[in-house]
Amino acid sequence: MSHDENAGRHPKLVRMANQIGTFMLSKPHDEGVAGVAEHINKFWEPRMRRQFFEVLDGGGGDLLPIVKEAAPKVRRPAPVEASAS
């Protein structure tokens, strides 16, 4: 999968992350960055955070800079293990 395809796989999630980022732009920068990470950590389930990191690992797509800057403070969930067949 190409870099651009991976970043474009989760447009709804990107939109949601950017909505959080847009709200946090009204705060002082460091507080806004921390607020993005805190919101994602508190309210996004592991599946959503996995998808968030898929977007980031694919280059970040259309994520706002404040969202990308918050990413290191977001808890990366454990990978999903393949079920035994």
PDB file of N, CA and C in Angstrom:
ATOM      1  N   MET A   1       0.853  -1.172   0.000  1.00  0.00           N
ATOM      2  CA  MET A   1       0.000   0.000   0.000  1.00  0.00           C
ATOM      3  C   MET A   1       0.897   1.233   0.000  1.00  0.00           C
ATOM      4  N   SER A   2       0.581   2.181  -0.843  1.00  0.00           N
ATOM      5  CA  SER A   2       1.424   3.370  -0.954  1.00  0.00           C
ATOM      6  C   SER A   2       1.206   4.290   0.243  1.00  0.00           C
ATOM      7  N   HIS A   3       2.127   5.196   0.368  1.00  0.00           N
ATOM      8  CA  HIS A   3       2.085   6.193   1.440  1.00  0.00           C
ATOM      9  C   HIS A   3       0.748   6.942   1.415  1.00  0.00           C
ATOM     10  N   ASP A   4       0.339   7.440   0.255  1.00  0.00           N
ATOM     11  CA  ASP A   4      -0.895   8.219   0.157  1.00  0.00           C
ATOM     12  C   ASP A   4      -2.139   7.381   0.426  1.00  0.00           C
ATOM     13  N   GLU A   5      -2.154   6.142  -0.037  1.00  0.00           N
ATOM     14  CA  GLU A   5      -3.319   5.284   0.204  1.00  0.00           C
ATOM     15  C   GLU A   5      -3.493   5.015   1.683  1.00  0.00           C
ATOM     16  N   ASN A   6      -2.412   4.753   2.388  1.00  0.00           N
ATOM     17  CA  ASN A   6      -2.496   4.473   3.817  1.00  0.00           C
ATOM     18  C   ASN A   6      -3.026   5.692   4.571  1.00  0.00           C
ATOM     19  N   ALA A   7      -2.555   6.869   4.186  1.00  0.00           N
ATOM     20  CA  ALA A   7      -2.996   8.091   4.870  1.00  0.00           C
ATOM     21  C   ALA A   7      -4.455   8.387   4.586  1.00  0.00           C
ATOM     22  N   GLY A   8      -4.993   7.938   3.454  1.00  0.00           N
ATOM     23  CA  GLY A   8      -6.369   8.230   3.087  1.00  0.00           C
ATOM     24  C   GLY A   8      -7.374   7.163   3.458  1.00  0.00           C
ATOM     25  N   ARG A   9      -6.979   6.159   4.191  1.00  0.00           N
ATOM     26  CA  ARG A   9      -7.868   5.046   4.526  1.00  0.00           C
ATOM     27  C   ARG A   9      -8.902   5.385   5.577  1.00  0.00           C
ATOM     28  N   HIS A  10      -8.666   6.380   6.362  1.00  0.00           N
ATOM     29  CA  HIS A  10      -9.543   6.681   7.489  1.00  0.00           C
ATOM     30  C   HIS A  10      -9.955   8.156   7.482  1.00  0.00           C
ATOM     31  N   PRO A  11     -10.669   8.589   6.441  1.00  0.00           N
ATOM     32  CA  PRO A  11     -11.004  10.026   6.359  1.00  0.00           C
ATOM     33  C   PRO A  11     -11.878  10.517   7.507  1.00  0.00           C
ATOM     34  N   LYS A  12     -12.791   9.706   8.002  1.00  0.00           N
ATOM     35  CA  LYS A  12     -13.654  10.136   9.112  1.00  0.00           C
ATOM     36  C   LYS A  12     -12.816  10.355  10.375  1.00  0.00           C
ATOM     37  N   LEU A  13     -11.876   9.454  10.609  1.00  0.00           N
ATOM     38  CA  LEU A  13     -11.017   9.571  11.776  1.00  0.00           C
ATOM     39  C   LEU A  13     -10.141  10.822  11.667  1.00  0.00           C
ATOM     40  N   VAL A  14      -9.622  11.094  10.478  1.00  0.00           N
ATOM     41  CA  VAL A  14      -8.820  12.304  10.265  1.00  0.00           C
ATOM     42  C   VAL A  14      -9.675  13.538  10.542  1.00  0.00           C
ATOM     43  N   ARG A  15     -10.909  13.528  10.048  1.00  0.00           N
ATOM     44  CA  ARG A  15     -11.806  14.665  10.279  1.00  0.00           C
ATOM     45  C   ARG A  15     -12.051  14.860  11.776  1.00  0.00           C
ATOM     46  N   MET A  16     -12.283  13.764  12.499  1.00  0.00           N
ATOM     47  CA  MET A  16     -12.526  13.851  13.944  1.00  0.00           C
ATOM     48  C   MET A  16     -11.290  14.394  14.672  1.00  0.00           C
ATOM     49  N   ALA A  17     -10.118  13.886  14.325  1.00  0.00           N
ATOM     50  CA  ALA A  17      -8.882  14.351  14.961  1.00  0.00           C
ATOM     51  C   ALA A  17      -8.672  15.837  14.684  1.00  0.00           C
ATOM     52  N   ASN A  18      -8.960  16.253  13.446  1.00  0.00           N
ATOM     53  CA  ASN A  18      -8.792  17.660  13.097  1.00  0.00           C
ATOM     54  C   ASN A  18      -9.816  18.550  13.796  1.00  0.00           C
ATOM     55  N   GLN A  19     -11.007  18.039  14.067  1.00  0.00           N
ATOM     56  CA  GLN A  19     -11.992  18.813  14.826  1.00  0.00           C
ATOM     57  C   GLN A  19     -11.467  19.072  16.241  1.00  0.00           C
ATOM     58  N   ILE A  20     -10.873  18.049  16.837  1.00  0.00           N
ATOM     59  CA  ILE A  20     -10.277  18.218  18.170  1.00  0.00           C
ATOM     60  C   ILE A  20      -9.153  19.252  18.081  1.00  0.00           C
ATOM     61  N   GLY A  21      -8.294  19.084  17.073  1.00  0.00           N
ATOM     62  CA  GLY A  21      -7.177  20.009  16.890  1.00  0.00           C
ATOM     63  C   GLY A  21      -7.636  21.441  16.679  1.00  0.00           C
ATOM     64  N   THR A  22      -8.668  21.624  15.875  1.00  0.00           N
ATOM     65  CA  THR A  22      -9.189  22.966  15.609  1.00  0.00           C
ATOM     66  C   THR A  22      -9.684  23.614  16.895  1.00  0.00           C
ATOM     67  N   PHE A  23     -10.397  22.849  17.709  1.00  0.00           N
ATOM     68  CA  PHE A  23     -10.857  23.385  18.994  1.00  0.00           C
ATOM     69  C   PHE A  23      -9.670  23.784  19.867  1.00  0.00           C
ATOM     70  N   MET A  24      -8.653  22.928  19.900  1.00  0.00           N
ATOM     71  CA  MET A  24      -7.509  23.171  20.778  1.00  0.00           C
ATOM     72  C   MET A  24      -6.629  24.321  20.303  1.00  0.00           C
ATOM     73  N   LEU A  25      -6.790  24.754  19.044  1.00  0.00           N
ATOM     74  CA  LEU A  25      -6.023  25.907  18.559  1.00  0.00           C
ATOM     75  C   LEU A  25      -6.371  27.186  19.312  1.00  0.00           C
ATOM     76  N   SER A  26      -7.520  27.191  19.993  1.00  0.00           N
ATOM     77  CA  SER A  26      -7.928  28.375  20.750  1.00  0.00           C
ATOM     78  C   SER A  26      -7.171  28.499  22.077  1.00  0.00           C
ATOM     79  N   LYS A  27      -6.413  27.489  22.417  1.00  0.00           N
ATOM     80  CA  LYS A  27      -5.675  27.476  23.682  1.00  0.00           C
ATOM     81  C   LYS A  27      -4.212  27.834  23.421  1.00  0.00           C
ATOM     82  N   PRO A  28      -3.456  28.174  24.458  1.00  0.00           N
ATOM     83  CA  PRO A  28      -2.008  28.337  24.263  1.00  0.00           C
ATOM     84  C   PRO A  28      -1.437  27.053  23.641  1.00  0.00           C
ATOM     85  N   HIS A  29      -0.426  27.207  22.794  1.00  0.00           N
ATOM     86  CA  HIS A  29       0.050  26.094  21.974  1.00  0.00           C
ATOM     87  C   HIS A  29       0.309  24.803  22.754  1.00  0.00           C
ATOM     88  N   ASP A  30       1.144  24.878  23.774  1.00  0.00           N
ATOM     89  CA  ASP A  30       1.500  23.661  24.524  1.00  0.00           C
ATOM     90  C   ASP A  30       0.271  23.027  25.171  1.00  0.00           C
ATOM     91  N   GLU A  31      -0.619  23.864  25.673  1.00  0.00           N
ATOM     92  CA  GLU A  31      -1.852  23.364  26.286  1.00  0.00           C
ATOM     93  C   GLU A  31      -2.744  22.703  25.221  1.00  0.00           C
ATOM     94  N   GLY A  32      -2.778  23.282  24.037  1.00  0.00           N
ATOM     95  CA  GLY A  32      -3.571  22.714  22.950  1.00  0.00           C
ATOM     96  C   GLY A  32      -3.044  21.360  22.498  1.00  0.00           C
ATOM     97  N   VAL A  33      -1.740  21.251  22.356  1.00  0.00           N
ATOM     98  CA  VAL A  33      -1.119  19.976  21.964  1.00  0.00           C
ATOM     99  C   VAL A  33      -1.441  18.909  23.011  1.00  0.00           C
ATOM    100  N   ALA A  34      -1.243  19.259  24.272  1.00  0.00           N
ATOM    101  CA  ALA A  34      -1.547  18.311  25.352  1.00  0.00           C
ATOM    102  C   ALA A  34      -3.030  17.959  25.364  1.00  0.00           C
ATOM    103  N   GLY A  35      -3.877  18.925  25.063  1.00  0.00           N
ATOM    104  CA  GLY A  35      -5.319  18.685  25.050  1.00  0.00           C
ATOM    105  C   GLY A  35      -5.752  17.718  23.961  1.00  0.00           C
ATOM    106  N   VAL A  36      -5.126  17.818  22.798  1.00  0.00           N
ATOM    107  CA  VAL A  36      -5.434  16.866  21.715  1.00  0.00           C
ATOM    108  C   VAL A  36      -5.100  15.456  22.177  1.00  0.00           C
ATOM    109  N   ALA A  37      -3.893  15.276  22.692  1.00  0.00           N
ATOM    110  CA  ALA A  37      -3.472  13.942  23.137  1.00  0.00           C
ATOM    111  C   ALA A  37      -4.355  13.432  24.267  1.00  0.00           C
ATOM    112  N   GLU A  38      -4.672  14.301  25.210  1.00  0.00           N
ATOM    113  CA  GLU A  38      -5.500  13.887  26.340  1.00  0.00           C
ATOM    114  C   GLU A  38      -6.879  13.436  25.869  1.00  0.00           C
ATOM    115  N   HIS A  39      -7.473  14.189  24.956  1.00  0.00           N
ATOM    116  CA  HIS A  39      -8.803  13.830  24.453  1.00  0.00           C
ATOM    117  C   HIS A  39      -8.769  12.473  23.742  1.00  0.00           C
ATOM    118  N   ILE A  40      -7.795  12.282  22.878  1.00  0.00           N
ATOM    119  CA  ILE A  40      -7.699  11.007  22.150  1.00  0.00           C
ATOM    120  C   ILE A  40      -7.460   9.863  23.125  1.00  0.00           C
ATOM    121  N   ASN A  41      -6.571  10.057  24.084  1.00  0.00           N
ATOM    122  CA  ASN A  41      -6.296   8.993  25.064  1.00  0.00           C
ATOM    123  C   ASN A  41      -7.527   8.655  25.900  1.00  0.00           C
ATOM    124  N   LYS A  42      -8.304   9.658  26.267  1.00  0.00           N
ATOM    125  CA  LYS A  42      -9.467   9.434  27.133  1.00  0.00           C
ATOM    126  C   LYS A  42     -10.658   8.832  26.401  1.00  0.00           C
ATOM    127  N   PHE A  43     -10.907   9.299  25.187  1.00  0.00           N
ATOM    128  CA  PHE A  43     -12.182   9.001  24.548  1.00  0.00           C
ATOM    129  C   PHE A  43     -12.114   8.092  23.323  1.00  0.00           C
ATOM    130  N   TRP A  44     -10.951   7.848  22.780  1.00  0.00           N
ATOM    131  CA  TRP A  44     -10.858   6.979  21.609  1.00  0.00           C
ATOM    132  C   TRP A  44     -10.493   5.571  22.052  1.00  0.00           C
ATOM    133  N   GLU A  45     -11.262   4.628  21.579  1.00  0.00           N
ATOM    134  CA  GLU A  45     -10.986   3.227  21.894  1.00  0.00           C
ATOM    135  C   GLU A  45      -9.716   2.784  21.162  1.00  0.00           C
ATOM    136  N   PRO A  46      -9.121   1.652  21.598  1.00  0.00           N
ATOM    137  CA  PRO A  46      -7.867   1.200  20.978  1.00  0.00           C
ATOM    138  C   PRO A  46      -7.952   1.052  19.451  1.00  0.00           C
ATOM    139  N   ARG A  47      -9.075   0.588  18.935  1.00  0.00           N
ATOM    140  CA  ARG A  47      -9.203   0.416  17.478  1.00  0.00           C
ATOM    141  C   ARG A  47      -9.030   1.761  16.766  1.00  0.00           C
ATOM    142  N   MET A  48      -9.636   2.792  17.321  1.00  0.00           N
ATOM    143  CA  MET A  48      -9.521   4.127  16.716  1.00  0.00           C
ATOM    144  C   MET A  48      -8.084   4.643  16.809  1.00  0.00           C
ATOM    145  N   ARG A  49      -7.445   4.401  17.941  1.00  0.00           N
ATOM    146  CA  ARG A  49      -6.054   4.848  18.077  1.00  0.00           C
ATOM    147  C   ARG A  49      -5.134   4.067  17.142  1.00  0.00           C
ATOM    148  N   ARG A  50      -5.421   2.784  16.895  1.00  0.00           N
ATOM    149  CA  ARG A  50      -4.640   2.021  15.913  1.00  0.00           C
ATOM    150  C   ARG A  50      -4.763   2.656  14.532  1.00  0.00           C
ATOM    151  N   GLN A  51      -5.993   3.008  14.171  1.00  0.00           N
ATOM    152  CA  GLN A  51      -6.216   3.654  12.874  1.00  0.00           C
ATOM    153  C   GLN A  51      -5.515   5.012  12.815  1.00  0.00           C
ATOM    154  N   PHE A  52      -5.546   5.745  13.913  1.00  0.00           N
ATOM    155  CA  PHE A  52      -4.850   7.028  13.992  1.00  0.00           C
ATOM    156  C   PHE A  52      -3.364   6.841  13.689  1.00  0.00           C
ATOM    157  N   PHE A  53      -2.758   5.813  14.281  1.00  0.00           N
ATOM    158  CA  PHE A  53      -1.342   5.566  14.040  1.00  0.00           C
ATOM    159  C   PHE A  53      -1.086   5.020  12.643  1.00  0.00           C
ATOM    160  N   GLU A  54      -2.046   4.336  12.046  1.00  0.00           N
ATOM    161  CA  GLU A  54      -1.905   3.932  10.642  1.00  0.00           C
ATOM    162  C   GLU A  54      -1.782   5.172   9.766  1.00  0.00           C
ATOM    163  N   VAL A  55      -2.621   6.166  10.039  1.00  0.00           N
ATOM    164  CA  VAL A  55      -2.561   7.419   9.282  1.00  0.00           C
ATOM    165  C   VAL A  55      -1.210   8.091   9.506  1.00  0.00           C
ATOM    166  N   LEU A  56      -0.794   8.198  10.754  1.00  0.00           N
ATOM    167  CA  LEU A  56       0.494   8.831  11.060  1.00  0.00           C
ATOM    168  C   LEU A  56       1.655   8.077  10.432  1.00  0.00           C
ATOM    169  N   ASP A  57       1.634   6.759  10.543  1.00  0.00           N
ATOM    170  CA  ASP A  57       2.716   5.955   9.993  1.00  0.00           C
ATOM    171  C   ASP A  57       2.760   6.053   8.469  1.00  0.00           C
ATOM    172  N   GLY A  58       1.626   6.426   7.871  1.00  0.00           N
ATOM    173  CA  GLY A  58       1.558   6.629   6.434  1.00  0.00           C
ATOM    174  C   GLY A  58       1.897   8.052   6.025  1.00  0.00           C
ATOM    175  N   GLY A  59       2.359   8.856   6.946  1.00  0.00           N
ATOM    176  CA  GLY A  59       2.767  10.213   6.626  1.00  0.00           C
ATOM    177  C   GLY A  59       1.877  11.285   7.223  1.00  0.00           C
ATOM    178  N   GLY A  60       0.764  10.917   7.784  1.00  0.00           N
ATOM    179  CA  GLY A  60      -0.095  11.882   8.460  1.00  0.00           C
ATOM    180  C   GLY A  60      -1.235  12.416   7.634  1.00  0.00           C
ATOM    181  N   GLY A  61      -1.240  12.112   6.331  1.00  0.00           N
ATOM    182  CA  GLY A  61      -2.355  12.552   5.502  1.00  0.00           C
ATOM    183  C   GLY A  61      -2.673  14.015   5.700  1.00  0.00           C
ATOM    184  N   ASP A  62      -3.932  14.315   5.936  1.00  0.00           N
ATOM    185  CA  ASP A  62      -4.399  15.690   6.093  1.00  0.00           C
ATOM    186  C   ASP A  62      -4.528  16.109   7.553  1.00  0.00           C
ATOM    187  N   LEU A  63      -3.857  15.408   8.457  1.00  0.00           N
ATOM    188  CA  LEU A  63      -3.924  15.793   9.871  1.00  0.00           C
ATOM    189  C   LEU A  63      -3.307  17.172  10.066  1.00  0.00           C
ATOM    190  N   LEU A  64      -3.954  17.970  10.895  1.00  0.00           N
ATOM    191  CA  LEU A  64      -3.428  19.291  11.222  1.00  0.00           C
ATOM    192  C   LEU A  64      -2.092  19.174  11.961  1.00  0.00           C
ATOM    193  N   PRO A  65      -1.223  20.159  11.822  1.00  0.00           N
ATOM    194  CA  PRO A  65       0.064  20.111  12.530  1.00  0.00           C
ATOM    195  C   PRO A  65      -0.072  19.919  14.040  1.00  0.00           C
ATOM    196  N   ILE A  66      -1.075  20.531  14.666  1.00  0.00           N
ATOM    197  CA  ILE A  66      -1.241  20.369  16.121  1.00  0.00           C
ATOM    198  C   ILE A  66      -1.559  18.913  16.480  1.00  0.00           C
ATOM    199  N   VAL A  67      -2.281  18.228  15.610  1.00  0.00           N
ATOM    200  CA  VAL A  67      -2.614  16.818  15.846  1.00  0.00           C
ATOM    201  C   VAL A  67      -1.356  15.963  15.691  1.00  0.00           C
ATOM    202  N   LYS A  68      -0.581  16.231  14.658  1.00  0.00           N
ATOM    203  CA  LYS A  68       0.677  15.494  14.456  1.00  0.00           C
ATOM    204  C   LYS A  68       1.629  15.727  15.621  1.00  0.00           C
ATOM    205  N   GLU A  69       1.666  16.957  16.111  1.00  0.00           N
ATOM    206  CA  GLU A  69       2.555  17.283  17.231  1.00  0.00           C
ATOM    207  C   GLU A  69       2.125  16.575  18.511  1.00  0.00           C
ATOM    208  N   ALA A  70       0.831  16.335  18.660  1.00  0.00           N
ATOM    209  CA  ALA A  70       0.317  15.650  19.847  1.00  0.00           C
ATOM    210  C   ALA A  70       0.556  14.143  19.802  1.00  0.00           C
ATOM    211  N   ALA A  71       0.796  13.601  18.630  1.00  0.00           N
ATOM    212  CA  ALA A  71       0.877  12.151  18.449  1.00  0.00           C
ATOM    213  C   ALA A  71       1.842  11.437  19.408  1.00  0.00           C
ATOM    214  N   PRO A  72       3.026  11.966  19.682  1.00  0.00           N
ATOM    215  CA  PRO A  72       3.920  11.245  20.606  1.00  0.00           C
ATOM    216  C   PRO A  72       3.344  11.076  22.015  1.00  0.00           C
ATOM    217  N   LYS A  73       2.351  11.886  22.365  1.00  0.00           N
ATOM    218  CA  LYS A  73       1.737  11.793  23.692  1.00  0.00           C
ATOM    219  C   LYS A  73       0.503  10.904  23.693  1.00  0.00           C
ATOM    220  N   VAL A  74       0.123  10.408  22.518  1.00  0.00           N
ATOM    221  CA  VAL A  74      -1.026   9.509  22.418  1.00  0.00           C
ATOM    222  C   VAL A  74      -0.524   8.094  22.662  1.00  0.00           C
ATOM    223  N   ARG A  75      -1.263   7.359  23.487  1.00  0.00           N
ATOM    224  CA  ARG A  75      -0.875   5.974  23.793  1.00  0.00           C
ATOM    225  C   ARG A  75      -1.134   5.081  22.582  1.00  0.00           C
ATOM    226  N   ARG A  76      -0.073   4.451  22.109  1.00  0.00           N
ATOM    227  CA  ARG A  76      -0.194   3.525  20.979  1.00  0.00           C
ATOM    228  C   ARG A  76      -0.698   2.191  21.521  1.00  0.00           C
ATOM    229  N   PRO A  77      -1.854   1.724  21.019  1.00  0.00           N
ATOM    230  CA  PRO A  77      -2.383   0.452  21.519  1.00  0.00           C
ATOM    231  C   PRO A  77      -1.561  -0.729  21.006  1.00  0.00           C
ATOM    232  N   ALA A  78      -1.652  -1.820  21.738  1.00  0.00           N
ATOM    233  CA  ALA A  78      -0.954  -3.040  21.322  1.00  0.00           C
ATOM    234  C   ALA A  78      -1.530  -3.509  19.991  1.00  0.00           C
ATOM    235  N   PRO A  79      -0.687  -4.084  19.152  1.00  0.00           N
ATOM    236  CA  PRO A  79      -1.195  -4.596  17.879  1.00  0.00           C
ATOM    237  C   PRO A  79      -2.215  -5.729  18.117  1.00  0.00           C
ATOM    238  N   VAL A  80      -3.116  -5.854  17.189  1.00  0.00           N
ATOM    239  CA  VAL A  80      -4.108  -6.929  17.273  1.00  0.00           C
ATOM    240  C   VAL A  80      -3.416  -8.213  16.850  1.00  0.00           C
ATOM    241  N   GLU A  81      -3.547  -9.228  17.694  1.00  0.00           N
ATOM    242  CA  GLU A  81      -2.946 -10.512  17.362  1.00  0.00           C
ATOM    243  C   GLU A  81      -3.885 -11.292  16.465  1.00  0.00           C
ATOM    244  N   ALA A  82      -3.309 -11.938  15.488  1.00  0.00           N
ATOM    245  CA  ALA A  82      -4.113 -12.775  14.596  1.00  0.00           C
ATOM    246  C   ALA A  82      -4.628 -13.966  15.390  1.00  0.00           C
ATOM    247  N   SER A  83      -5.899 -14.293  15.180  1.00  0.00           N
ATOM    248  CA  SER A  83      -6.462 -15.423  15.903  1.00  0.00           C
ATOM    249  C   SER A  83      -5.923 -16.727  15.341  1.00  0.00           C
ATOM    250  N   ALA A  84      -5.774 -17.696  16.215  1.00  0.00           N
ATOM    251  CA  ALA A  84      -5.268 -19.004  15.810  1.00  0.00           C
ATOM    252  C   ALA A  84      -6.335 -19.737  15.022  1.00  0.00           C
ATOM    253  N   SER A  85      -5.930 -20.317  13.918  1.00  0.00           N
ATOM    254  CA  SER A  85      -6.890 -21.037  13.080  1.00  0.00           C
ATOM    255  C   SER A  85      -6.833 -22.513  13.328  1.00  0.00           C
TER     256      SER A  85
END
